[in-house]
N, C-alpha and C. Protein backbone atom coordinates (compact mmCIF):
# COMPACT_ATOMS: atom_id res chain seq x y z
N MET A 1 22.98 -7.02 -2.50
CA MET A 1 22.65 -8.55 -3.29
C MET A 1 21.47 -8.27 -3.93
N GLN A 2 21.58 -9.18 -5.66
CA GLN A 2 20.36 -8.71 -6.04
C GLN A 2 19.52 -9.68 -6.05
N GLY A 3 18.21 -9.48 -5.92
CA GLY A 3 17.53 -10.32 -5.36
C GLY A 3 16.68 -11.17 -6.60
N GLY A 4 16.89 -11.16 -7.70
CA GLY A 4 16.90 -12.04 -8.71
C GLY A 4 17.50 -13.11 -8.67
N ARG A 5 18.48 -13.34 -8.25
CA ARG A 5 19.61 -14.52 -7.81
C ARG A 5 19.02 -15.04 -6.93
N LEU A 6 18.19 -14.74 -5.78
CA LEU A 6 18.00 -15.63 -4.96
C LEU A 6 16.34 -16.19 -5.25
N ARG A 7 16.23 -17.49 -6.10
CA ARG A 7 15.21 -18.05 -6.47
C ARG A 7 15.32 -19.40 -6.25
N HIS A 8 15.62 -19.86 -5.06
CA HIS A 8 15.41 -21.07 -4.46
C HIS A 8 15.16 -20.99 -3.41
N GLN A 9 13.73 -21.51 -2.89
CA GLN A 9 13.36 -21.43 -1.45
C GLN A 9 13.92 -22.57 -0.77
N ILE A 10 14.66 -22.42 0.45
CA ILE A 10 15.06 -23.20 1.23
C ILE A 10 14.57 -22.93 2.82
N THR A 11 15.34 -24.23 3.47
CA THR A 11 14.75 -24.67 5.12
C THR A 11 16.07 -24.52 5.54
N ILE A 12 16.75 -23.51 6.58
CA ILE A 12 17.52 -23.94 7.65
C ILE A 12 16.84 -24.66 8.72
N GLU A 13 17.75 -26.03 8.95
CA GLU A 13 17.19 -26.69 10.04
C GLU A 13 18.28 -26.64 11.19
N SER A 14 17.92 -26.81 12.10
CA SER A 14 19.00 -26.66 13.77
C SER A 14 18.60 -28.29 14.22
N SER A 15 19.81 -28.66 14.83
CA SER A 15 19.77 -30.17 15.43
C SER A 15 19.24 -30.05 17.07
N SER A 16 19.02 -31.06 17.51
CA SER A 16 18.74 -31.10 18.89
C SER A 16 19.34 -32.51 19.35
N ALA A 17 19.58 -33.04 20.42
CA ALA A 17 19.90 -34.43 20.87
C ALA A 17 18.68 -34.35 21.91
N SER A 18 18.14 -36.24 21.36
CA SER A 18 17.35 -36.64 22.50
C SER A 18 17.79 -38.04 22.60
N LYS A 19 16.84 -38.90 23.51
CA LYS A 19 17.33 -40.05 23.80
C LYS A 19 16.09 -40.78 23.38
N ASN A 20 16.20 -41.88 22.90
CA ASN A 20 15.24 -42.98 22.49
C ASN A 20 14.73 -43.67 23.41
N GLY A 21 14.36 -44.73 23.32
CA GLY A 21 13.23 -45.87 24.47
C GLY A 21 14.53 -46.80 25.01
N PHE A 22 15.77 -46.81 24.16
CA PHE A 22 16.81 -47.95 24.59
C PHE A 22 18.08 -46.75 25.42
N GLY A 23 17.74 -45.50 25.49
CA GLY A 23 18.76 -44.08 26.01
C GLY A 23 19.69 -44.18 25.29
N GLU A 24 19.76 -44.20 24.05
CA GLU A 24 20.60 -43.62 23.10
C GLU A 24 20.29 -42.36 22.21
N GLU A 25 21.39 -41.57 22.35
CA GLU A 25 21.05 -40.47 21.99
C GLU A 25 20.85 -40.17 20.29
N VAL A 26 19.83 -39.47 19.86
CA VAL A 26 19.18 -39.58 18.56
C VAL A 26 19.27 -38.04 18.42
N LEU A 27 19.71 -38.33 17.06
CA LEU A 27 19.93 -36.60 16.55
C LEU A 27 18.48 -35.97 16.05
N THR A 28 17.87 -34.97 16.18
CA THR A 28 16.59 -34.56 15.69
C THR A 28 16.83 -33.15 14.95
N TRP A 29 16.16 -32.75 13.57
CA TRP A 29 16.29 -31.85 12.89
C TRP A 29 14.96 -31.02 13.24
N ALA A 30 15.17 -29.78 13.76
CA ALA A 30 13.83 -28.64 13.21
C ALA A 30 13.98 -27.73 12.34
N THR A 31 13.12 -27.11 11.92
CA THR A 31 13.02 -26.04 11.14
C THR A 31 13.67 -24.58 11.97
N TYR A 32 14.57 -23.99 11.39
CA TYR A 32 15.05 -22.87 12.23
C TYR A 32 14.48 -21.64 11.43
N MET A 33 14.30 -21.92 10.28
CA MET A 33 13.65 -20.57 9.40
C MET A 33 14.13 -21.10 8.08
N SER A 34 13.00 -20.39 7.08
CA SER A 34 13.00 -20.27 5.75
C SER A 34 13.07 -19.47 4.94
N THR A 35 14.21 -19.43 3.80
CA THR A 35 14.11 -18.28 3.46
C THR A 35 14.56 -18.49 1.81
N TRP A 36 14.79 -17.37 0.81
CA TRP A 36 15.15 -17.46 -0.26
C TRP A 36 16.61 -17.50 -0.36
N ALA A 37 17.09 -17.87 -1.24
CA ALA A 37 18.87 -18.37 -1.64
C ALA A 37 18.84 -18.53 -3.32
N SER A 38 20.34 -18.28 -3.29
CA SER A 38 20.77 -18.90 -4.71
C SER A 38 21.56 -20.10 -4.14
N ILE A 39 21.91 -21.22 -5.18
CA ILE A 39 22.84 -21.86 -4.66
C ILE A 39 23.79 -22.38 -5.87
N ASP A 40 24.70 -22.38 -5.81
CA ASP A 40 25.85 -22.53 -6.61
C ASP A 40 26.87 -23.26 -6.24
N PRO A 41 26.98 -24.80 -7.11
CA PRO A 41 28.10 -25.89 -6.90
C PRO A 41 29.38 -25.19 -7.01
N ILE A 42 30.16 -25.63 -6.58
CA ILE A 42 31.91 -25.27 -6.72
C ILE A 42 32.70 -25.90 -7.49
N ARG A 43 32.54 -26.99 -6.64
CA ARG A 43 33.16 -28.35 -7.04
C ARG A 43 32.97 -29.77 -6.40
N GLY A 44 33.14 -30.78 -7.13
CA GLY A 44 32.70 -32.39 -6.69
C GLY A 44 33.62 -33.22 -6.55
N ARG A 45 33.42 -34.19 -5.93
CA ARG A 45 34.50 -35.19 -6.17
C ARG A 45 33.81 -36.58 -5.93
N GLU A 46 34.73 -37.74 -5.69
CA GLU A 46 34.18 -39.02 -5.95
C GLU A 46 35.29 -39.93 -5.18
N TYR A 47 34.95 -40.86 -4.33
CA TYR A 47 35.88 -41.57 -3.63
C TYR A 47 34.96 -42.59 -3.21
N MET A 48 36.28 -43.94 -2.70
CA MET A 48 35.74 -44.92 -2.18
C MET A 48 35.69 -45.15 -0.86
N GLU A 49 34.45 -45.81 -0.38
CA GLU A 49 34.34 -45.86 1.24
C GLU A 49 33.60 -46.99 1.40
N ALA A 50 33.85 -47.75 2.03
CA ALA A 50 33.16 -49.11 2.33
C ALA A 50 32.85 -49.82 1.05
N LYS A 51 33.83 -49.87 -0.20
CA LYS A 51 33.91 -50.71 -1.25
C LYS A 51 32.47 -49.88 -2.00
N GLN A 52 32.32 -49.01 -1.79
CA GLN A 52 31.01 -47.97 -2.63
C GLN A 52 31.51 -47.02 -3.09
N VAL A 53 31.19 -46.27 -4.17
CA VAL A 53 31.58 -44.97 -4.55
C VAL A 53 30.59 -43.96 -4.33
N GLN A 54 31.41 -43.15 -3.29
CA GLN A 54 30.34 -42.15 -2.99
C GLN A 54 30.96 -40.75 -3.30
N ALA A 55 29.93 -39.73 -3.41
CA ALA A 55 30.53 -38.47 -3.98
C ALA A 55 29.82 -36.98 -3.05
N ASP A 56 30.52 -36.19 -3.29
CA ASP A 56 30.10 -34.84 -2.51
C ASP A 56 30.07 -33.70 -3.35
N VAL A 57 29.25 -32.67 -2.95
CA VAL A 57 29.81 -31.51 -3.65
C VAL A 57 29.79 -30.25 -3.02
N ASP A 58 30.64 -29.48 -2.98
CA ASP A 58 30.95 -28.44 -2.20
C ASP A 58 30.08 -27.32 -2.82
N THR A 59 29.21 -26.74 -2.17
CA THR A 59 28.23 -25.84 -2.70
C THR A 59 28.36 -24.37 -1.81
N ARG A 60 28.19 -23.22 -2.72
CA ARG A 60 27.94 -21.99 -2.08
C ARG A 60 26.47 -21.60 -1.82
N ILE A 61 26.00 -21.59 -0.94
CA ILE A 61 24.64 -20.85 -0.79
C ILE A 61 24.26 -19.43 -0.35
N ARG A 62 23.82 -18.27 -0.85
CA ARG A 62 23.86 -17.14 -0.70
C ARG A 62 22.20 -16.87 0.03
N VAL A 63 22.29 -16.17 1.16
CA VAL A 63 21.16 -15.71 1.55
C VAL A 63 21.05 -14.01 2.11
N ARG A 64 20.08 -13.47 2.53
CA ARG A 64 19.94 -12.05 2.72
C ARG A 64 20.12 -12.08 4.39
N GLY A 65 21.21 -11.57 5.06
CA GLY A 65 21.50 -11.58 6.34
C GLY A 65 19.95 -10.96 7.24
N GLN A 66 19.63 -11.80 8.23
CA GLN A 66 18.57 -11.25 9.15
C GLN A 66 19.19 -10.89 10.81
N SER A 67 19.07 -9.89 11.01
CA SER A 67 19.36 -9.52 12.39
C SER A 67 18.94 -10.50 13.61
N ASP A 68 17.38 -10.90 13.38
CA ASP A 68 17.53 -11.70 14.54
C ASP A 68 17.49 -13.19 14.26
N LYS A 69 18.11 -13.48 13.28
CA LYS A 69 18.63 -15.00 13.11
C LYS A 69 20.04 -15.08 13.33
N THR A 70 20.67 -16.06 13.65
CA THR A 70 22.18 -16.59 13.62
C THR A 70 22.49 -17.51 13.15
N LEU A 71 23.03 -17.81 11.98
CA LEU A 71 23.33 -18.89 11.60
C LEU A 71 24.44 -19.49 11.78
N LYS A 72 24.70 -21.16 11.80
CA LYS A 72 25.69 -21.72 12.57
C LYS A 72 26.63 -22.91 11.85
N PRO A 73 27.79 -23.34 11.83
CA PRO A 73 27.79 -24.71 11.18
C PRO A 73 27.28 -26.07 11.75
N SER A 74 26.51 -25.97 13.08
CA SER A 74 25.93 -27.00 13.40
C SER A 74 24.69 -27.12 12.73
N MET A 75 24.20 -26.55 11.94
CA MET A 75 22.92 -26.44 10.84
C MET A 75 22.99 -27.12 9.39
N ARG A 76 21.93 -26.98 9.16
CA ARG A 76 21.93 -27.91 7.57
C ARG A 76 20.59 -27.20 6.91
N VAL A 77 20.99 -27.34 5.39
CA VAL A 77 20.05 -26.49 4.79
C VAL A 77 19.08 -27.86 4.05
N LYS A 78 18.25 -27.70 3.71
CA LYS A 78 17.28 -28.34 3.03
C LYS A 78 16.72 -27.77 1.62
N PHE A 79 16.91 -28.24 0.60
CA PHE A 79 16.53 -27.61 -0.61
C PHE A 79 15.66 -28.99 -1.42
N GLY A 80 14.29 -29.06 -1.13
CA GLY A 80 13.42 -30.06 -1.67
C GLY A 80 13.87 -31.38 -0.98
N SER A 81 14.56 -32.31 -1.48
CA SER A 81 14.69 -33.63 -1.05
C SER A 81 16.50 -33.86 -0.39
N ARG A 82 17.20 -32.62 -0.76
CA ARG A 82 18.48 -32.61 -1.02
C ARG A 82 18.84 -32.15 0.52
N TYR A 83 19.83 -32.29 1.18
CA TYR A 83 20.48 -31.94 2.30
C TYR A 83 21.75 -31.16 2.37
N PHE A 84 22.31 -30.37 2.88
CA PHE A 84 23.66 -29.62 2.79
C PHE A 84 24.13 -29.26 4.30
N MET A 85 24.99 -29.96 4.46
CA MET A 85 25.82 -29.53 5.63
C MET A 85 26.77 -28.19 5.73
N ILE A 86 26.41 -27.22 6.75
CA ILE A 86 27.09 -26.18 6.64
C ILE A 86 28.21 -26.28 7.42
N ILE A 87 29.47 -25.91 6.21
CA ILE A 87 30.61 -26.08 7.21
C ILE A 87 31.40 -24.81 7.36
N SER A 88 30.66 -23.91 7.16
CA SER A 88 31.03 -22.11 7.31
C SER A 88 30.37 -20.90 7.13
N VAL A 89 30.08 -20.36 8.09
CA VAL A 89 29.16 -18.90 7.41
C VAL A 89 30.06 -18.01 7.66
N ILE A 90 29.80 -17.17 6.64
CA ILE A 90 30.35 -15.65 6.16
C ILE A 90 29.79 -15.05 6.01
N ASN A 91 30.07 -13.56 6.71
CA ASN A 91 29.17 -12.46 6.70
C ASN A 91 29.88 -11.45 5.82
N VAL A 92 29.25 -11.30 4.36
CA VAL A 92 30.14 -10.69 3.48
C VAL A 92 30.30 -9.44 3.68
N VAL A 93 31.47 -8.73 3.68
CA VAL A 93 31.95 -7.62 4.27
C VAL A 93 31.28 -6.93 5.71
N GLU A 94 31.36 -7.88 6.27
CA GLU A 94 31.01 -7.64 8.02
C GLU A 94 29.74 -6.65 8.04
N ILE A 95 28.88 -6.55 7.13
CA ILE A 95 27.45 -5.49 7.27
C ILE A 95 26.52 -6.20 7.59
N GLY A 96 26.42 -7.76 7.37
CA GLY A 96 25.16 -7.89 7.59
C GLY A 96 23.82 -8.52 6.62
N LYS A 97 24.06 -7.96 5.54
CA LYS A 97 23.14 -7.74 4.38
C LYS A 97 23.20 -9.12 4.11
N GLU A 98 24.52 -9.79 3.09
CA GLU A 98 24.69 -10.87 2.46
C GLU A 98 25.32 -12.11 3.66
N ILE A 99 24.87 -13.08 3.54
CA ILE A 99 25.42 -14.48 4.44
C ILE A 99 25.90 -15.61 3.13
N GLN A 100 26.96 -16.03 3.29
CA GLN A 100 27.19 -16.88 2.34
C GLN A 100 27.71 -18.47 3.32
N LEU A 101 26.64 -19.55 2.92
CA LEU A 101 26.86 -20.57 3.57
C LEU A 101 27.75 -21.51 2.69
N MET A 102 29.04 -21.87 3.24
CA MET A 102 29.64 -23.00 2.33
C MET A 102 28.98 -24.21 3.17
N CYS A 103 28.96 -24.82 2.10
CA CYS A 103 28.00 -26.16 2.45
C CYS A 103 28.93 -27.76 1.77
N ARG A 104 28.58 -28.84 2.13
CA ARG A 104 28.82 -30.14 1.34
C ARG A 104 27.50 -30.94 1.34
N GLU A 105 27.64 -31.10 0.39
CA GLU A 105 26.18 -32.48 0.09
C GLU A 105 26.75 -33.29 -0.71
N GLN A 106 26.29 -34.74 0.50
CA GLN A 106 27.04 -36.13 0.06
C GLN A 106 25.91 -36.67 -0.39
N ILE A 107 26.08 -37.37 -1.62
CA ILE A 107 25.34 -38.18 -2.06
C ILE A 107 25.67 -39.36 -2.41
N ASP A 108 24.75 -40.35 -1.70
CA ASP A 108 25.06 -41.82 -1.79
C ASP A 108 25.11 -42.45 -2.96
N GLY A 109 26.24 -43.03 -3.35
CA GLY A 109 26.24 -43.96 -4.49
C GLY A 109 25.99 -45.09 -4.36
């Protein structure tokens, strides 16, 4: 993997559930790791939901593999003020050097 392609600083966050004062389950996000990545939009679409136009973008995010970190689809990627939900984690060539995160960014219209 070429280092020059990894020009975006991202944060990978993991979720945990806790209860609020009313006993309702609330999802909270905490930093799991920060790393450099390449971010490549693959395709986008728009659709109607609740009488509003919604949009989402499928994105491939590439990072270097880290033997002490395991990335999971239950995590998300934060890039600036944008969030990408991880759909799948691909270990390229199964040697742990490059990890591809197939993500979806939902954009409220």
